[in-house]
C-alpha atoms as a PDB file:
ATOM      1  CA  MET A   1      53.997 169.066 118.504  1.00  0.00           C
ATOM      2  CA  LYS A   2      50.354 169.350 119.333  1.00  0.00           C
ATOM      3  CA  LYS A   3      49.488 169.841 115.723  1.00  0.00           C
ATOM      4  CA  LEU A   4      51.466 166.923 114.439  1.00  0.00           C
ATOM      5  CA  LEU A   5      49.935 164.442 117.280  1.00  0.00           C
ATOM      6  CA  ARG A   6      46.698 165.268 116.130  1.00  0.00           C
ATOM      7  CA  TYR A   7      47.980 164.457 112.637  1.00  0.00           C
ATOM      8  CA  LEU A   8      46.163 161.318 111.764  1.00  0.00           C
ATOM      9  CA  PRO A   9      48.497 160.387 109.133  1.00  0.00           C
ATOM     10  CA  PHE A  10      51.289 160.546 111.511  1.00  0.00           C
ATOM     11  CA  TYR A  11      49.965 157.835 112.939  1.00  0.00           C
ATOM     12  CA  PHE A  12      50.021 155.979 110.215  1.00  0.00           C
ATOM     13  CA  THR A  13      53.294 156.543 108.816  1.00  0.00           C
ATOM     14  CA  VAL A  14      54.517 155.515 112.478  1.00  0.00           C
ATOM     15  CA  CYS A  15      52.588 152.029 112.323  1.00  0.00           C
ATOM     16  CA  LEU A  16      53.911 151.363 108.603  1.00  0.00           C
ATOM     17  CA  ILE A  17      57.100 152.232 109.545  1.00  0.00           C
ATOM     18  CA  LEU A  18      57.215 149.781 112.219  1.00  0.00           C
ATOM     19  CA  GLY A  19      55.781 146.972 110.415  1.00  0.00           C
ATOM     20  CA  ILE A  20      58.486 148.010 107.982  1.00  0.00           C
ATOM     21  CA  CYS A  21      60.857 147.569 110.854  1.00  0.00           C
ATOM     22  CA  LEU A  22      59.552 144.414 111.934  1.00  0.00           C
ATOM     23  CA  GLN A  23      59.834 142.192 109.389  1.00  0.00           C
ATOM     24  CA  TYR A  24      63.012 143.578 107.922  1.00  0.00           C
ATOM     25  CA  TYR A  25      64.989 143.087 111.375  1.00  0.00           C
ATOM     26  CA  LEU A  26      63.340 140.528 113.051  1.00  0.00           C
ATOM     27  CA  LYS A  27      61.584 138.518 109.865  1.00  0.00           C
ATOM     28  CA  ILE A  28      58.658 137.921 112.022  1.00  0.00           C
ATOM     29  CA  TRP A  29      56.618 137.105 108.447  1.00  0.00           C
ATOM     30  CA  LYS A  30      57.533 133.961 107.101  1.00  0.00           C
ATOM     31  CA  ILE A  31      54.194 132.891 105.342  1.00  0.00           C
ATOM     32  CA  ASP A  32      53.096 132.284 101.583  1.00  0.00           C
ATOM     33  CA  SER A  33      51.197 134.723  99.824  1.00  0.00           C
ATOM     34  CA  ILE A  34      48.096 133.174  99.888  1.00  0.00           C
ATOM     35  CA  ASN A  35      47.333 133.351 103.990  1.00  0.00           C
ATOM     36  CA  LEU A  36      48.950 137.077 103.531  1.00  0.00           C
ATOM     37  CA  ILE A  37      46.326 137.972 101.563  1.00  0.00           C
ATOM     38  CA  CYS A  38      43.868 136.379 103.546  1.00  0.00           C
ATOM     39  CA  ILE A  39      44.951 138.217 106.722  1.00  0.00           C
ATOM     40  CA  PHE A  40      44.615 141.863 104.886  1.00  0.00           C
ATOM     41  CA  LEU A  41      41.318 140.609 103.605  1.00  0.00           C
ATOM     42  CA  LEU A  42      40.103 139.681 107.333  1.00  0.00           C
ATOM     43  CA  LEU A  43      41.237 143.181 108.943  1.00  0.00           C
ATOM     44  CA  LEU A  44      39.832 144.935 105.899  1.00  0.00           C
ATOM     45  CA  GLY A  45      36.940 143.740 106.775  1.00  0.00           C
ATOM     46  CA  PHE A  46      36.939 143.793 110.734  1.00  0.00           C
ATOM     47  CA  LEU A  47      37.992 147.619 109.337  1.00  0.00           C
ATOM     48  CA  PHE A  48      34.098 147.464 107.732  1.00  0.00           C
ATOM     49  CA  ALA A  49      32.300 145.166 109.880  1.00  0.00           C
ATOM     50  CA  PHE A  50      32.412 146.641 113.558  1.00  0.00           C
ATOM     51  CA  ARG A  51      31.614 150.402 114.399  1.00  0.00           C
ATOM     52  CA  ASN A  52      33.213 150.594 117.363  1.00  0.00           C
ATOM     53  CA  LYS A  53      35.932 153.347 117.717  1.00  0.00           C
ATOM     54  CA  ILE A  54      37.857 151.651 119.744  1.00  0.00           C
ATOM     55  CA  ILE A  55      37.859 148.644 117.522  1.00  0.00           C
ATOM     56  CA  HIS A  56      38.327 150.524 115.042  1.00  0.00           C
ATOM     57  CA  THR A  57      41.484 152.322 115.631  1.00  0.00           C
ATOM     58  CA  VAL A  58      43.197 148.822 117.045  1.00  0.00           C
ATOM     59  CA  ASN A  59      42.382 147.465 113.767  1.00  0.00           C
ATOM     60  CA  THR A  60      43.537 150.366 111.905  1.00  0.00           C
ATOM     61  CA  VAL A  61      46.330 150.421 113.828  1.00  0.00           C
ATOM     62  CA  PHE A  62      47.560 146.951 112.990  1.00  0.00           C
ATOM     63  CA  LEU A  63      46.566 147.506 109.317  1.00  0.00           C
ATOM     64  CA  PHE A  64      48.859 149.760 108.720  1.00  0.00           C
ATOM     65  CA  VAL A  65      51.500 147.532 110.824  1.00  0.00           C
ATOM     66  CA  PHE A  66      50.681 144.745 108.419  1.00  0.00           C
ATOM     67  CA  LEU A  67      51.185 146.800 105.322  1.00  0.00           C
ATOM     68  CA  GLY A  68      54.456 147.556 106.130  1.00  0.00           C
ATOM     69  CA  ILE A  69      55.172 143.755 106.877  1.00  0.00           C
ATOM     70  CA  CYS A  70      53.969 142.697 103.639  1.00  0.00           C
ATOM     71  CA  THR A  71      55.560 145.364 101.781  1.00  0.00           C
ATOM     72  CA  VAL A  72      59.361 144.353 103.282  1.00  0.00           C
ATOM     73  CA  TYR A  73      58.253 140.171 102.785  1.00  0.00           C
ATOM     74  CA  PHE A  74      56.869 140.661  98.864  1.00  0.00           C
ATOM     75  CA  THR A  75      59.810 142.819  97.877  1.00  0.00           C
ATOM     76  CA  ASN A  76      62.389 140.140  98.924  1.00  0.00           C
ATOM     77  CA  ASP A  77      63.493 137.850  96.442  1.00  0.00           C
ATOM     78  CA  LYS A  78      64.225 135.613  98.996  1.00  0.00           C
ATOM     79  CA  ASN A  79      60.937 134.779 100.021  1.00  0.00           C
ATOM     80  CA  TYR A  80      59.969 133.169  96.715  1.00  0.00           C
ATOM     81  CA  GLU A  81      60.709 129.505  96.205  1.00  0.00           C
ATOM     82  CA  ALA A  82      62.453 130.847  91.970  1.00  0.00           C
ATOM     83  CA  TYR A  83      64.614 132.862  94.232  1.00  0.00           C
ATOM     84  CA  TYR A  84      67.945 131.820  92.367  1.00  0.00           C
ATOM     85  CA  GLN A  85      69.871 130.777  95.550  1.00  0.00           C
ATOM     86  CA  HIS A  86      67.187 128.067  96.244  1.00  0.00           C
ATOM     87  CA  LYS A  87      68.364 126.533  92.967  1.00  0.00           C
ATOM     88  CA  ILE A  88      71.891 126.536  92.262  1.00  0.00           C
ATOM     89  CA  THR A  89      74.251 123.980  92.815  1.00  0.00           C
ATOM     90  CA  ASN A  90      78.098 123.580  92.405  1.00  0.00           C
ATOM     91  CA  ASN A  91      77.995 122.640  88.676  1.00  0.00           C
ATOM     92  CA  SER A  92      75.087 125.076  87.950  1.00  0.00           C
ATOM     93  CA  SER A  93      74.757 127.507  85.361  1.00  0.00           C
ATOM     94  CA  ALA A  94      73.054 130.700  84.592  1.00  0.00           C
ATOM     95  CA  VAL A  95      71.256 132.861  82.216  1.00  0.00           C
ATOM     96  CA  LEU A  96      71.549 136.614  82.752  1.00  0.00           C
ATOM     97  CA  THR A  97      70.305 139.932  81.367  1.00  0.00           C
ATOM     98  CA  ILE A  98      72.066 142.862  82.121  1.00  0.00           C
ATOM     99  CA  SER A  99      69.684 145.315  83.742  1.00  0.00           C
ATOM    100  CA  LYS A 100      72.467 147.943  84.405  1.00  0.00           C
ATOM    101  CA  VAL A 101      76.101 149.178  83.814  1.00  0.00           C
ATOM    102  CA  LEU A 102      77.731 150.237  87.219  1.00  0.00           C
ATOM    103  CA  LYS A 103      80.591 152.552  86.721  1.00  0.00           C
ATOM    104  CA  GLU A 104      83.655 150.488  85.745  1.00  0.00           C
ATOM    105  CA  SER A 105      86.927 150.417  88.043  1.00  0.00           C
ATOM    106  CA  VAL A 106      90.494 150.481  87.064  1.00  0.00           C
ATOM    107  CA  TYR A 107      90.493 146.476  87.063  1.00  0.00           C
ATOM    108  CA  SER A 108      87.322 145.453  86.044  1.00  0.00           C
ATOM    109  CA  TYR A 109      84.241 146.270  84.486  1.00  0.00           C
ATOM    110  CA  LYS A 110      80.818 145.667  86.795  1.00  0.00           C
ATOM    111  CA  TYR A 111      76.763 145.160  86.031  1.00  0.00           C
ATOM    112  CA  VAL A 112      73.530 144.276  88.115  1.00  0.00           C
ATOM    113  CA  ALA A 113      72.473 141.354  86.116  1.00  0.00           C
ATOM    114  CA  GLN A 114      68.913 139.722  86.631  1.00  0.00           C
ATOM    115  CA  VAL A 115      68.750 135.885  86.896  1.00  0.00           C
ATOM    116  CA  SER A 116      66.397 134.687  84.748  1.00  0.00           C
ATOM    117  CA  GLN A 117      66.807 131.105  84.447  1.00  0.00           C
ATOM    118  CA  VAL A 118      69.385 128.512  86.097  1.00  0.00           C
ATOM    119  CA  ASP A 119      70.082 125.067  84.787  1.00  0.00           C
ATOM    120  CA  GLY A 120      67.319 125.759  82.160  1.00  0.00           C
ATOM    121  CA  VAL A 121      64.751 126.520  84.922  1.00  0.00           C
ATOM    122  CA  PHE A 122      62.739 129.703  85.870  1.00  0.00           C
ATOM    123  CA  SER A 123      64.543 132.258  88.337  1.00  0.00           C
ATOM    124  CA  ARG A 124      64.328 135.196  89.687  1.00  0.00           C
ATOM    125  CA  GLY A 125      67.242 137.140  91.647  1.00  0.00           C
ATOM    126  CA  ASN A 126      69.752 140.056  90.748  1.00  0.00           C
ATOM    127  CA  VAL A 127      73.710 139.666  90.945  1.00  0.00           C
ATOM    128  CA  LEU A 128      76.388 141.840  90.903  1.00  0.00           C
ATOM    129  CA  LEU A 129      78.883 140.733  87.650  1.00  0.00           C
ATOM    130  CA  SER A 130      82.070 141.497  88.157  1.00  0.00           C
ATOM    131  CA  LEU A 131      84.457 140.802  84.542  1.00  0.00           C
ATOM    132  CA  GLU A 132      88.013 141.756  84.283  1.00  0.00           C
ATOM    133  CA  LYS A 133      89.587 143.977  82.225  1.00  0.00           C
ATOM    134  CA  ASP A 134      91.448 142.939  79.217  1.00  0.00           C
ATOM    135  CA  SER A 135      92.992 144.251  75.982  1.00  0.00           C
ATOM    136  CA  LEU A 136      89.951 143.230  74.281  1.00  0.00           C
ATOM    137  CA  LYS A 137      87.594 145.683  73.005  1.00  0.00           C
ATOM    138  CA  ARG A 138      84.210 143.993  72.667  1.00  0.00           C
ATOM    139  CA  ARG A 139      83.375 140.918  74.987  1.00  0.00           C
ATOM    140  CA  LEU A 140      81.223 138.327  73.922  1.00  0.00           C
ATOM    141  CA  LEU A 141      79.916 136.425  76.600  1.00  0.00           C
ATOM    142  CA  LEU A 142      77.638 133.170  76.048  1.00  0.00           C
ATOM    143  CA  MET A 143      77.354 130.518  79.016  1.00  0.00           C
ATOM    144  CA  THR A 144      79.832 130.561  81.062  1.00  0.00           C
ATOM    145  CA  PRO A 145      79.871 128.629  85.039  1.00  0.00           C
ATOM    146  CA  PHE A 146      81.039 130.814  87.675  1.00  0.00           C
ATOM    147  CA  CYS A 147      80.393 130.863  91.427  1.00  0.00           C
ATOM    148  CA  TYR A 148      78.192 133.135  93.223  1.00  0.00           C
ATOM    149  CA  LEU A 149      79.519 135.186  95.813  1.00  0.00           C
ATOM    150  CA  GLN A 150      77.918 136.965  98.959  1.00  0.00           C
ATOM    151  CA  ILE A 151      78.953 140.523  98.543  1.00  0.00           C
ATOM    152  CA  SER A 152      81.037 141.401 101.685  1.00  0.00           C
ATOM    153  CA  SER A 153      80.359 144.663 103.351  1.00  0.00           C
ATOM    154  CA  PRO A 154      81.865 147.486 102.859  1.00  0.00           C
ATOM    155  CA  LEU A 155      85.450 148.259 104.768  1.00  0.00           C
ATOM    156  CA  ASN A 156      85.025 152.130 104.950  1.00  0.00           C
ATOM    157  CA  PRO A 157      83.154 152.524 108.515  1.00  0.00           C
ATOM    158  CA  LEU A 158      81.845 155.786 107.338  1.00  0.00           C
END
């Protein structure tokens, strides 16, 4: 255990995990990308500007927590203006690109699709596309209005 406490990357990993958990569960950061980059560069500048060991250590801890926060913020599509749920209305139509074919069930075919346009405007995000099975072997889906539903949580507690 003493060797682990002397191992510097262990502290960096803990700070990174702390930043990821803070952003994922508490959503403490809700600003735009330009401000995030400016804060990151400011923290990085302080890291090289001061030679005091305590300031250097505290700044490094904040830098790794900030990196964890940024990682979650930038990978979440909901933080972008082009996210499809910000643009849909009751009569919206979308252009989808199937990115992954999932295992089919007894009643339906399932796909993961990327939303590339909503009502002719560029958008982003992923949806679960579920199509009922029927007697047709091939299916051509050109354009269809459909409703967007939240995926329900699993009913199996395990």
